[in-house]
Protein backbone atom coordinates (compact mmCIF):
# COMPACT_ATOMS: atom_id res chain seq x y z
CA UNK A 1 88.15 6.81 -54.78
CA UNK A 2 88.92 4.25 -52.71
CA UNK A 3 86.72 5.64 -49.70
CA UNK A 4 84.03 5.59 -51.89
CA UNK A 5 84.53 2.29 -52.76
CA UNK A 6 84.94 0.78 -49.35
CA UNK A 7 81.45 0.85 -48.24
CA UNK A 8 80.97 -1.41 -52.20
CA UNK A 9 84.10 -3.85 -51.68
CA UNK A 10 82.54 -3.93 -47.77
CA UNK A 11 78.67 -5.23 -48.26
CA UNK A 12 80.74 -7.48 -51.81
CA UNK A 13 82.94 -8.92 -49.41
CA UNK A 14 79.98 -9.19 -46.62
CA UNK A 15 77.67 -10.94 -49.29
CA UNK A 16 79.49 -14.27 -49.91
CA UNK A 17 82.13 -12.73 -51.75
CA UNK A 18 85.67 -14.20 -50.88
CA UNK A 19 83.78 -16.60 -48.54
CA UNK A 20 83.80 -20.06 -51.37
CA UNK A 21 85.45 -22.14 -48.72
CA UNK A 22 82.50 -21.84 -46.14
CA UNK A 23 79.27 -23.09 -48.51
CA UNK A 24 77.96 -26.46 -48.46
CA UNK A 25 76.30 -28.04 -51.42
CA UNK A 26 72.76 -29.08 -51.82
CA UNK A 27 71.90 -31.74 -49.14
CA UNK A 28 71.15 -35.01 -51.30
CA UNK A 29 67.26 -36.72 -49.48
CA UNK A 30 67.55 -39.97 -48.54
CA UNK A 31 65.47 -42.41 -50.30
CA UNK A 32 61.37 -43.04 -48.57
CA UNK A 33 62.16 -46.12 -46.94
CA UNK A 34 65.03 -47.35 -45.54
CA UNK A 35 67.04 -50.33 -43.99
CA UNK A 36 68.76 -49.30 -40.89
CA UNK A 37 71.50 -52.84 -40.05
CA UNK A 38 73.22 -52.81 -36.78
CA UNK A 39 76.19 -55.39 -35.18
CA UNK A 40 78.37 -55.00 -32.19
CA UNK A 41 80.23 -57.73 -30.68
CA UNK A 42 83.04 -57.77 -28.14
CA UNK A 43 84.59 -59.50 -24.86
CA UNK A 44 82.04 -58.75 -21.23
CA UNK A 45 84.77 -58.08 -18.50
CA UNK A 46 84.27 -61.39 -16.58
CA UNK A 47 86.04 -63.52 -19.76
CA UNK A 48 82.75 -63.89 -21.33
CA UNK A 49 80.86 -62.52 -24.66
CA UNK A 50 78.15 -59.84 -25.73
CA UNK A 51 76.85 -60.55 -29.56
CA UNK A 52 74.09 -57.59 -30.57
CA UNK A 53 72.30 -56.45 -33.16
CA UNK A 54 68.78 -54.53 -34.94
CA UNK A 55 67.36 -54.78 -38.13
CA UNK A 56 65.13 -52.12 -38.63
CA UNK A 57 62.74 -50.50 -41.76
CA UNK A 58 62.18 -47.47 -41.59
CA UNK A 59 59.32 -44.90 -43.40
CA UNK A 60 60.02 -41.52 -44.29
CA UNK A 61 58.20 -37.99 -45.27
CA UNK A 62 60.57 -35.32 -45.92
CA UNK A 63 59.07 -32.75 -42.90
CA UNK A 64 61.22 -29.63 -43.26
CA UNK A 65 63.75 -28.09 -46.12
CA UNK A 66 66.54 -25.76 -45.99
CA UNK A 67 69.52 -25.56 -48.82
CA UNK A 68 72.13 -27.82 -45.89
CA UNK A 69 69.32 -28.82 -43.56
CA UNK A 70 66.50 -31.50 -44.32
CA UNK A 71 64.50 -33.44 -41.80
CA UNK A 72 61.94 -36.50 -42.36
CA UNK A 73 59.48 -38.03 -39.97
CA UNK A 74 58.69 -41.54 -39.99
CA UNK A 75 57.38 -44.77 -38.70
CA UNK A 76 59.90 -47.82 -37.60
CA UNK A 77 60.11 -51.69 -37.12
CA UNK A 78 61.97 -54.11 -36.69
CA UNK A 79 63.83 -56.64 -34.25
CA UNK A 80 66.98 -55.72 -32.16
CA UNK A 81 69.08 -58.64 -29.83
CA UNK A 82 72.08 -59.00 -27.13
CA UNK A 83 73.23 -62.09 -26.31
CA UNK A 84 75.11 -62.52 -23.23
CA UNK A 85 77.54 -64.87 -22.23
CA UNK A 86 79.55 -65.70 -18.76
CA UNK A 87 82.98 -67.40 -19.54
CA UNK A 88 81.67 -70.95 -19.50
CA UNK A 89 79.08 -69.87 -22.07
CA UNK A 90 76.05 -69.78 -20.05
CA UNK A 91 73.89 -66.81 -20.41
CA UNK A 92 70.85 -65.40 -22.59
CA UNK A 93 69.46 -63.76 -25.86
CA UNK A 94 67.25 -61.34 -25.44
CA UNK A 95 64.94 -60.97 -28.86
CA UNK A 96 62.63 -58.38 -28.94
CA UNK A 97 60.02 -57.16 -31.88
CA UNK A 98 60.42 -53.76 -32.23
CA UNK A 99 57.92 -50.78 -33.80
CA UNK A 100 58.21 -46.86 -32.75
CA UNK A 101 55.48 -45.17 -34.07
CA UNK A 102 57.57 -42.19 -34.45
CA UNK A 103 61.09 -41.16 -36.45
CA UNK A 104 63.21 -38.65 -37.03
CA UNK A 105 65.54 -38.71 -39.49
CA UNK A 106 67.78 -35.36 -39.86
CA UNK A 107 70.36 -34.36 -42.76
CA UNK A 108 72.31 -32.34 -40.89
CA UNK A 109 74.60 -30.65 -43.99
CA UNK A 110 75.58 -33.09 -46.83
CA UNK A 111 77.91 -35.97 -44.93
CA UNK A 112 76.00 -36.39 -41.62
CA UNK A 113 73.16 -38.03 -40.43
CA UNK A 114 70.58 -38.04 -37.43
CA UNK A 115 68.32 -40.87 -36.54
CA UNK A 116 66.23 -40.70 -33.31
CA UNK A 117 65.26 -44.25 -33.35
CA UNK A 118 62.51 -43.58 -30.49
CA UNK A 119 61.61 -41.52 -27.33
CA UNK A 120 64.79 -42.57 -24.54
CA UNK A 121 62.77 -40.47 -21.65
CA UNK A 122 60.16 -43.60 -21.33
CA UNK A 123 62.81 -46.55 -20.54
CA UNK A 124 65.36 -47.42 -17.42
CA UNK A 125 66.63 -49.64 -19.95
CA UNK A 126 70.49 -48.25 -21.54
CA UNK A 127 70.11 -51.07 -24.29
CA UNK A 128 66.88 -48.82 -25.39
CA UNK A 129 68.48 -45.62 -24.57
CA UNK A 130 71.69 -46.34 -27.00
CA UNK A 131 69.39 -47.64 -29.50
CA UNK A 132 66.99 -44.28 -29.80
CA UNK A 133 69.63 -41.73 -31.26
CA UNK A 134 72.17 -42.63 -33.85
CA UNK A 135 74.72 -40.47 -35.92
CA UNK A 136 76.28 -41.11 -38.51
CA UNK A 137 78.43 -39.70 -41.93
CA UNK A 138 77.05 -40.11 -45.55
CA UNK A 139 80.19 -40.67 -47.67
CA UNK A 140 79.22 -40.38 -51.56
CA UNK A 141 77.03 -43.56 -52.76
CA UNK A 142 76.48 -44.49 -48.54
CA UNK A 143 73.60 -43.15 -47.23
CA UNK A 144 74.62 -42.88 -43.48
CA UNK A 145 77.11 -45.17 -41.39
CA UNK A 146 78.08 -45.18 -38.29
CA UNK A 147 78.80 -46.62 -34.79
CA UNK A 148 76.73 -47.13 -31.64
CA UNK A 149 77.02 -48.62 -27.97
CA UNK A 150 75.41 -51.84 -27.57
CA UNK A 151 74.77 -51.41 -23.48
CA UNK A 152 72.88 -53.76 -20.78
CA UNK A 153 69.11 -54.50 -20.71
CA UNK A 154 69.57 -53.04 -17.04
CA UNK A 155 67.25 -56.95 -15.98
CA UNK A 156 67.93 -58.62 -13.07
CA UNK A 157 65.02 -60.53 -12.56
CA UNK A 158 63.85 -64.60 -12.52
CA UNK A 159 66.59 -65.64 -12.74
CA UNK A 160 68.38 -63.32 -16.30
CA UNK A 161 70.75 -60.61 -15.36
CA UNK A 162 71.69 -58.17 -17.78
CA UNK A 163 73.50 -55.26 -15.60
CA UNK A 164 77.21 -55.31 -17.07
CA UNK A 165 79.15 -55.23 -20.30
CA UNK A 166 79.42 -52.48 -23.27
CA UNK A 167 80.12 -52.90 -27.18
CA UNK A 168 80.80 -50.48 -29.37
CA UNK A 169 79.37 -51.78 -33.18
CA UNK A 170 78.55 -50.04 -36.32
CA UNK A 171 75.62 -49.62 -37.93
CA UNK A 172 74.71 -49.02 -42.26
CA UNK A 173 72.17 -48.16 -44.10
CA UNK A 174 71.47 -51.18 -46.91
CA UNK A 175 71.11 -50.50 -50.19
CA UNK A 176 68.03 -51.21 -51.54
């Protein structure tokens, strides 16, 4: 009798019996419009300071869905800035309007979010490469937040130099 039940028990266990700890609930969708804000600030190695940020509006449409994964495509616009000052307070800031015609957002699981905000292959600037792909977490009531790195624009021309100083910062999705 046990030998006849053994294949049945193996099939039941393989079909999910006893594996409930690995089951992930359905992924909660993102709203069609996101307002993503990021800030970063800290010291430069020479005693100066760095201040960075971005403020982005993203429009999304669902592209693909599985029980544990949702991918969106969309567009994005907004602004980004980086100010770098030496120890005497001399320096400069760049403020840029930002628009990318193609954005991808992925909810990889119930608590994980990825935002592909630009094409990092078309720029030599570490600033834009760091901002192009940000990842984070989602918690109950929180559509997403994480960390990002503000790197130099890699400019060395016309008296403007921004080649040093990396600071860590945070980003989050503002509730609208």
